[in-house]
């Protein structure tokens, strides 16, 4: 029996692996930005920053996360 949480974890791991491959020679903040944006866009199905931040499930306020992604 396959659980949806294990499917979601597997999918997230594959997305992060892909993101690490394409951003191999970037700095750590740029690698994190690439991973967050790639995962957020695929999970939300949208390119809006607020939708991406909703999918990241960060503990910080939404406004702070949007500003962090905007600065990078």
PDB file of N, CA and C in Angstrom:
ATOM      1  N   UNK A   1       0.839  -1.183   0.000  1.00  0.00           N
ATOM      2  CA  UNK A   1       0.000   0.000   0.000  1.00  0.00           C
ATOM      3  C   UNK A   1       0.882   1.243   0.000  1.00  0.00           C
ATOM      4  N   UNK A   2       0.642   2.142  -0.900  1.00  0.00           N
ATOM      5  CA  UNK A   2       1.422   3.360  -1.014  1.00  0.00           C
ATOM      6  C   UNK A   2       0.657   4.513  -0.386  1.00  0.00           C
ATOM      7  N   UNK A   3       1.350   5.295   0.425  1.00  0.00           N
ATOM      8  CA  UNK A   3       0.732   6.435   1.079  1.00  0.00           C
ATOM      9  C   UNK A   3       1.078   7.705   0.329  1.00  0.00           C
ATOM     10  N   UNK A   4       0.163   8.673   0.384  1.00  0.00           N
ATOM     11  CA  UNK A   4       0.384   9.913  -0.349  1.00  0.00           C
ATOM     12  C   UNK A   4       1.551  10.715   0.217  1.00  0.00           C
ATOM     13  N   UNK A   5       1.815  10.577   1.524  1.00  0.00           N
ATOM     14  CA  UNK A   5       2.942  11.314   2.097  1.00  0.00           C
ATOM     15  C   UNK A   5       4.264  10.798   1.554  1.00  0.00           C
ATOM     16  N   UNK A   6       4.372   9.495   1.352  1.00  0.00           N
ATOM     17  CA  UNK A   6       5.613   8.962   0.790  1.00  0.00           C
ATOM     18  C   UNK A   6       5.748   9.366  -0.676  1.00  0.00           C
ATOM     19  N   UNK A   7       4.633   9.451  -1.392  1.00  0.00           N
ATOM     20  CA  UNK A   7       4.680   9.921  -2.783  1.00  0.00           C
ATOM     21  C   UNK A   7       5.103  11.376  -2.830  1.00  0.00           C
ATOM     22  N   UNK A   8       4.565  12.180  -1.938  1.00  0.00           N
ATOM     23  CA  UNK A   8       4.928  13.606  -1.900  1.00  0.00           C
ATOM     24  C   UNK A   8       6.395  13.764  -1.540  1.00  0.00           C
ATOM     25  N   UNK A   9       6.885  12.978  -0.582  1.00  0.00           N
ATOM     26  CA  UNK A   9       8.293  13.058  -0.192  1.00  0.00           C
ATOM     27  C   UNK A   9       9.189  12.659  -1.362  1.00  0.00           C
ATOM     28  N   UNK A  10       8.818  11.602  -2.074  1.00  0.00           N
ATOM     29  CA  UNK A  10       9.606  11.145  -3.217  1.00  0.00           C
ATOM     30  C   UNK A  10       9.632  12.206  -4.308  1.00  0.00           C
ATOM     31  N   UNK A  11       8.489  12.808  -4.572  1.00  0.00           N
ATOM     32  CA  UNK A  11       8.420  13.850  -5.588  1.00  0.00           C
ATOM     33  C   UNK A  11       9.260  15.057  -5.196  1.00  0.00           C
ATOM     34  N   UNK A  12       9.168  15.469  -3.930  1.00  0.00           N
ATOM     35  CA  UNK A  12       9.958  16.610  -3.474  1.00  0.00           C
ATOM     36  C   UNK A  12      11.450  16.307  -3.574  1.00  0.00           C
ATOM     37  N   UNK A  13      11.855  15.106  -3.236  1.00  0.00           N
ATOM     38  CA  UNK A  13      13.257  14.712  -3.321  1.00  0.00           C
ATOM     39  C   UNK A  13      13.741  14.763  -4.771  1.00  0.00           C
ATOM     40  N   UNK A  14      12.926  14.305  -5.712  1.00  0.00           N
ATOM     41  CA  UNK A  14      13.305  14.344  -7.125  1.00  0.00           C
ATOM     42  C   UNK A  14      13.434  15.784  -7.627  1.00  0.00           C
ATOM     43  N   UNK A  15      12.527  16.645  -7.197  1.00  0.00           N
ATOM     44  CA  UNK A  15      12.585  18.054  -7.585  1.00  0.00           C
ATOM     45  C   UNK A  15      13.856  18.693  -7.038  1.00  0.00           C
ATOM     46  N   UNK A  16      14.184  18.414  -5.777  1.00  0.00           N
ATOM     47  CA  UNK A  16      15.388  18.994  -5.169  1.00  0.00           C
ATOM     48  C   UNK A  16      16.659  18.450  -5.814  1.00  0.00           C
ATOM     49  N   UNK A  17      16.660  17.187  -6.194  1.00  0.00           N
ATOM     50  CA  UNK A  17      17.810  16.608  -6.880  1.00  0.00           C
ATOM     51  C   UNK A  17      18.022  17.289  -8.226  1.00  0.00           C
ATOM     52  N   UNK A  18      16.936  17.500  -8.965  1.00  0.00           N
ATOM     53  CA  UNK A  18      17.020  18.209 -10.245  1.00  0.00           C
ATOM     54  C   UNK A  18      17.524  19.631 -10.041  1.00  0.00           C
ATOM     55  N   UNK A  19      16.978  20.297  -9.043  1.00  0.00           N
ATOM     56  CA  UNK A  19      17.373  21.679  -8.756  1.00  0.00           C
ATOM     57  C   UNK A  19      18.857  21.762  -8.407  1.00  0.00           C
ATOM     58  N   UNK A  20      19.356  20.812  -7.638  1.00  0.00           N
ATOM     59  CA  UNK A  20      20.777  20.800  -7.289  1.00  0.00           C
ATOM     60  C   UNK A  20      21.665  20.572  -8.515  1.00  0.00           C
ATOM     61  N   UNK A  21      21.187  19.787  -9.455  1.00  0.00           N
ATOM     62  CA  UNK A  21      21.963  19.543 -10.668  1.00  0.00           C
ATOM     63  C   UNK A  21      22.089  20.801 -11.519  1.00  0.00           C
ATOM     64  N   UNK A  22      21.005  21.563 -11.629  1.00  0.00           N
ATOM     65  CA  UNK A  22      21.063  22.737 -12.497  1.00  0.00           C
ATOM     66  C   UNK A  22      21.722  23.930 -11.831  1.00  0.00           C
ATOM     67  N   UNK A  23      21.862  23.897 -10.507  1.00  0.00           N
ATOM     68  CA  UNK A  23      22.465  25.035  -9.807  1.00  0.00           C
ATOM     69  C   UNK A  23      23.759  24.638  -9.100  1.00  0.00           C
ATOM     70  N   UNK A  24      24.434  23.663  -9.622  1.00  0.00           N
ATOM     71  CA  UNK A  24      25.625  23.092  -8.990  1.00  0.00           C
ATOM     72  C   UNK A  24      26.717  24.120  -8.701  1.00  0.00           C
ATOM     73  N   UNK A  25      26.934  25.056  -9.601  1.00  0.00           N
ATOM     74  CA  UNK A  25      28.058  25.980  -9.458  1.00  0.00           C
ATOM     75  C   UNK A  25      27.655  27.344  -8.891  1.00  0.00           C
ATOM     76  N   UNK A  26      26.467  27.441  -8.359  1.00  0.00           N
ATOM     77  CA  UNK A  26      25.999  28.690  -7.777  1.00  0.00           C
ATOM     78  C   UNK A  26      26.327  28.752  -6.294  1.00  0.00           C
ATOM     79  N   UNK A  27      26.134  29.912  -5.706  1.00  0.00           N
ATOM     80  CA  UNK A  27      26.358  30.058  -4.267  1.00  0.00           C
ATOM     81  C   UNK A  27      25.211  29.394  -3.498  1.00  0.00           C
ATOM     82  N   UNK A  28      25.404  29.158  -2.196  1.00  0.00           N
ATOM     83  CA  UNK A  28      24.375  28.488  -1.393  1.00  0.00           C
ATOM     84  C   UNK A  28      23.039  29.224  -1.374  1.00  0.00           C
ATOM     85  N   UNK A  29      23.039  30.552  -1.224  1.00  0.00           N
ATOM     86  CA  UNK A  29      21.734  31.234  -1.271  1.00  0.00           C
ATOM     87  C   UNK A  29      21.024  31.067  -2.623  1.00  0.00           C
ATOM     88  N   UNK A  30      21.799  31.068  -3.700  1.00  0.00           N
ATOM     89  CA  UNK A  30      21.202  30.881  -5.021  1.00  0.00           C
ATOM     90  C   UNK A  30      20.686  29.456  -5.208  1.00  0.00           C
ATOM     91  N   UNK A  31      21.369  28.489  -4.632  1.00  0.00           N
ATOM     92  CA  UNK A  31      20.909  27.098  -4.693  1.00  0.00           C
ATOM     93  C   UNK A  31      19.589  26.956  -3.938  1.00  0.00           C
ATOM     94  N   UNK A  32      19.501  27.562  -2.756  1.00  0.00           N
ATOM     95  CA  UNK A  32      18.263  27.502  -1.975  1.00  0.00           C
ATOM     96  C   UNK A  32      17.132  28.211  -2.714  1.00  0.00           C
ATOM     97  N   UNK A  33      17.427  29.361  -3.316  1.00  0.00           N
ATOM     98  CA  UNK A  33      16.422  30.086  -4.091  1.00  0.00           C
ATOM     99  C   UNK A  33      15.912  29.224  -5.241  1.00  0.00           C
ATOM    100  N   UNK A  34      16.819  28.601  -5.980  1.00  0.00           N
ATOM    101  CA  UNK A  34      16.430  27.757  -7.105  1.00  0.00           C
ATOM    102  C   UNK A  34      15.569  26.594  -6.647  1.00  0.00           C
ATOM    103  N   UNK A  35      15.955  25.974  -5.550  1.00  0.00           N
ATOM    104  CA  UNK A  35      15.180  24.845  -5.030  1.00  0.00           C
ATOM    105  C   UNK A  35      13.790  25.290  -4.574  1.00  0.00           C
ATOM    106  N   UNK A  36      13.716  26.392  -3.845  1.00  0.00           N
ATOM    107  CA  UNK A  36      12.424  26.887  -3.360  1.00  0.00           C
ATOM    108  C   UNK A  36      11.508  27.266  -4.513  1.00  0.00           C
ATOM    109  N   UNK A  37      12.047  27.971  -5.491  1.00  0.00           N
ATOM    110  CA  UNK A  37      11.227  28.404  -6.614  1.00  0.00           C
ATOM    111  C   UNK A  37      10.769  27.220  -7.470  1.00  0.00           C
ATOM    112  N   UNK A  38      11.655  26.279  -7.729  1.00  0.00           N
ATOM    113  CA  UNK A  38      11.292  25.118  -8.533  1.00  0.00           C
ATOM    114  C   UNK A  38      10.208  24.304  -7.842  1.00  0.00           C
ATOM    115  N   UNK A  39      10.424  23.999  -6.564  1.00  0.00           N
ATOM    116  CA  UNK A  39       9.443  23.213  -5.832  1.00  0.00           C
ATOM    117  C   UNK A  39       8.121  23.970  -5.713  1.00  0.00           C
ATOM    118  N   UNK A  40       8.170  25.237  -5.380  1.00  0.00           N
ATOM    119  CA  UNK A  40       6.958  26.021  -5.198  1.00  0.00           C
ATOM    120  C   UNK A  40       6.138  26.139  -6.470  1.00  0.00           C
ATOM    121  N   UNK A  41       6.810  26.362  -7.599  1.00  0.00           N
ATOM    122  CA  UNK A  41       6.082  26.480  -8.865  1.00  0.00           C
ATOM    123  C   UNK A  41       5.445  25.153  -9.263  1.00  0.00           C
ATOM    124  N   UNK A  42       6.165  24.066  -9.087  1.00  0.00           N
ATOM    125  CA  UNK A  42       5.593  22.770  -9.455  1.00  0.00           C
ATOM    126  C   UNK A  42       4.475  22.357  -8.502  1.00  0.00           C
ATOM    127  N   UNK A  43       4.639  22.628  -7.212  1.00  0.00           N
ATOM    128  CA  UNK A  43       3.620  22.228  -6.235  1.00  0.00           C
ATOM    129  C   UNK A  43       2.354  23.067  -6.367  1.00  0.00           C
ATOM    130  N   UNK A  44       2.508  24.364  -6.644  1.00  0.00           N
ATOM    131  CA  UNK A  44       1.338  25.235  -6.718  1.00  0.00           C
ATOM    132  C   UNK A  44       0.734  25.293  -8.114  1.00  0.00           C
ATOM    133  N   UNK A  45       1.537  25.022  -9.126  1.00  0.00           N
ATOM    134  CA  UNK A  45       1.060  25.140 -10.494  1.00  0.00           C
ATOM    135  C   UNK A  45       0.889  26.584 -10.911  1.00  0.00           C
ATOM    136  N   UNK A  46       1.606  27.465 -10.247  1.00  0.00           N
ATOM    137  CA  UNK A  46       1.480  28.892 -10.497  1.00  0.00           C
ATOM    138  C   UNK A  46       2.855  29.543 -10.405  1.00  0.00           C
ATOM    139  N   UNK A  47       2.976  30.708 -11.018  1.00  0.00           N
ATOM    140  CA  UNK A  47       4.218  31.475 -10.941  1.00  0.00           C
ATOM    141  C   UNK A  47       4.096  32.669 -10.007  1.00  0.00           C
ATOM    142  N   UNK A  48       2.963  32.820  -9.344  1.00  0.00           N
ATOM    143  CA  UNK A  48       2.778  33.918  -8.399  1.00  0.00           C
ATOM    144  C   UNK A  48       3.547  33.627  -7.117  1.00  0.00           C
ATOM    145  N   UNK A  49       4.288  34.621  -6.632  1.00  0.00           N
ATOM    146  CA  UNK A  49       5.117  34.419  -5.441  1.00  0.00           C
ATOM    147  C   UNK A  49       4.287  34.019  -4.226  1.00  0.00           C
ATOM    148  N   UNK A  50       3.113  34.582  -4.068  1.00  0.00           N
ATOM    149  CA  UNK A  50       2.286  34.232  -2.904  1.00  0.00           C
ATOM    150  C   UNK A  50       1.842  32.773  -2.962  1.00  0.00           C
ATOM    151  N   UNK A  51       1.541  32.264  -4.147  1.00  0.00           N
ATOM    152  CA  UNK A  51       1.179  30.851  -4.285  1.00  0.00           C
ATOM    153  C   UNK A  51       2.384  29.948  -4.024  1.00  0.00           C
ATOM    154  N   UNK A  52       3.548  30.372  -4.475  1.00  0.00           N
ATOM    155  CA  UNK A  52       4.767  29.600  -4.245  1.00  0.00           C
ATOM    156  C   UNK A  52       5.074  29.529  -2.756  1.00  0.00           C
ATOM    157  N   UNK A  53       4.967  30.660  -2.058  1.00  0.00           N
ATOM    158  CA  UNK A  53       5.246  30.709  -0.623  1.00  0.00           C
ATOM    159  C   UNK A  53       4.261  29.836   0.148  1.00  0.00           C
ATOM    160  N   UNK A  54       3.003  29.808  -0.276  1.00  0.00           N
ATOM    161  CA  UNK A  54       2.013  28.956   0.394  1.00  0.00           C
ATOM    162  C   UNK A  54       2.438  27.490   0.348  1.00  0.00           C
ATOM    163  N   UNK A  55       3.025  27.052  -0.749  1.00  0.00           N
ATOM    164  CA  UNK A  55       3.432  25.662  -0.903  1.00  0.00           C
ATOM    165  C   UNK A  55       4.713  25.320  -0.155  1.00  0.00           C
ATOM    166  N   UNK A  56       5.505  26.318   0.193  1.00  0.00           N
ATOM    167  CA  UNK A  56       6.761  26.063   0.903  1.00  0.00           C
ATOM    168  C   UNK A  56       6.535  25.743   2.379  1.00  0.00           C
ATOM    169  N   UNK A  57       5.402  26.147   2.938  1.00  0.00           N
ATOM    170  CA  UNK A  57       5.045  25.868   4.327  1.00  0.00           C
ATOM    171  C   UNK A  57       6.140  26.304   5.301  1.00  0.00           C
ATOM    172  N   UNK A  58       6.602  27.526   5.149  1.00  0.00           N
ATOM    173  CA  UNK A  58       7.630  28.064   6.032  1.00  0.00           C
ATOM    174  C   UNK A  58       6.993  28.604   7.307  1.00  0.00           C
ATOM    175  N   UNK A  59       7.769  28.620   8.387  1.00  0.00           N
ATOM    176  CA  UNK A  59       7.246  29.091   9.669  1.00  0.00           C
ATOM    177  C   UNK A  59       7.222  30.609   9.757  1.00  0.00           C
ATOM    178  N   UNK A  60       7.967  31.285   8.907  1.00  0.00           N
ATOM    179  CA  UNK A  60       7.984  32.747   8.930  1.00  0.00           C
ATOM    180  C   UNK A  60       6.704  33.289   8.284  1.00  0.00           C
ATOM    181  N   UNK A  61       6.475  34.579   8.485  1.00  0.00           N
ATOM    182  CA  UNK A  61       5.296  35.203   7.901  1.00  0.00           C
ATOM    183  C   UNK A  61       5.386  35.191   6.384  1.00  0.00           C
ATOM    184  N   UNK A  62       4.226  35.162   5.758  1.00  0.00           N
ATOM    185  CA  UNK A  62       4.166  35.117   4.297  1.00  0.00           C
ATOM    186  C   UNK A  62       4.846  36.334   3.667  1.00  0.00           C
ATOM    187  N   UNK A  63       4.655  37.492   4.259  1.00  0.00           N
ATOM    188  CA  UNK A  63       5.256  38.722   3.726  1.00  0.00           C
ATOM    189  C   UNK A  63       6.775  38.617   3.726  1.00  0.00           C
ATOM    190  N   UNK A  64       7.345  38.084   4.796  1.00  0.00           N
ATOM    191  CA  UNK A  64       8.800  37.950   4.882  1.00  0.00           C
ATOM    192  C   UNK A  64       9.328  36.965   3.845  1.00  0.00           C
ATOM    193  N   UNK A  65       8.603  35.874   3.620  1.00  0.00           N
ATOM    194  CA  UNK A  65       9.038  34.893   2.628  1.00  0.00           C
ATOM    195  C   UNK A  65       8.963  35.461   1.217  1.00  0.00           C
ATOM    196  N   UNK A  66       7.899  36.210   0.922  1.00  0.00           N
ATOM    197  CA  UNK A  66       7.779  36.831  -0.398  1.00  0.00           C
ATOM    198  C   UNK A  66       8.908  37.820  -0.618  1.00  0.00           C
ATOM    199  N   UNK A  67       9.231  38.609   0.391  1.00  0.00           N
ATOM    200  CA  UNK A  67      10.343  39.568   0.283  1.00  0.00           C
ATOM    201  C   UNK A  67      11.673  38.849   0.076  1.00  0.00           C
ATOM    202  N   UNK A  68      11.864  37.722   0.758  1.00  0.00           N
ATOM    203  CA  UNK A  68      13.113  36.959   0.603  1.00  0.00           C
ATOM    204  C   UNK A  68      13.254  36.450  -0.819  1.00  0.00           C
ATOM    205  N   UNK A  69      12.172  35.945  -1.396  1.00  0.00           N
ATOM    206  CA  UNK A  69      12.235  35.447  -2.758  1.00  0.00           C
ATOM    207  C   UNK A  69      12.353  36.579  -3.774  1.00  0.00           C
ATOM    208  N   UNK A  70      11.848  37.748  -3.440  1.00  0.00           N
ATOM    209  CA  UNK A  70      11.934  38.888  -4.338  1.00  0.00           C
ATOM    210  C   UNK A  70      13.350  39.453  -4.377  1.00  0.00           C
ATOM    211  N   UNK A  71      14.036  39.452  -3.227  1.00  0.00           N
ATOM    212  CA  UNK A  71      15.397  39.996  -3.158  1.00  0.00           C
ATOM    213  C   UNK A  71      16.392  39.205  -3.970  1.00  0.00           C
ATOM    214  N   UNK A  72      16.228  37.914  -4.042  1.00  0.00           N
ATOM    215  CA  UNK A  72      17.222  37.047  -4.672  1.00  0.00           C
ATOM    216  C   UNK A  72      17.258  37.169  -6.150  1.00  0.00           C
TER     217      UNK A  72
END
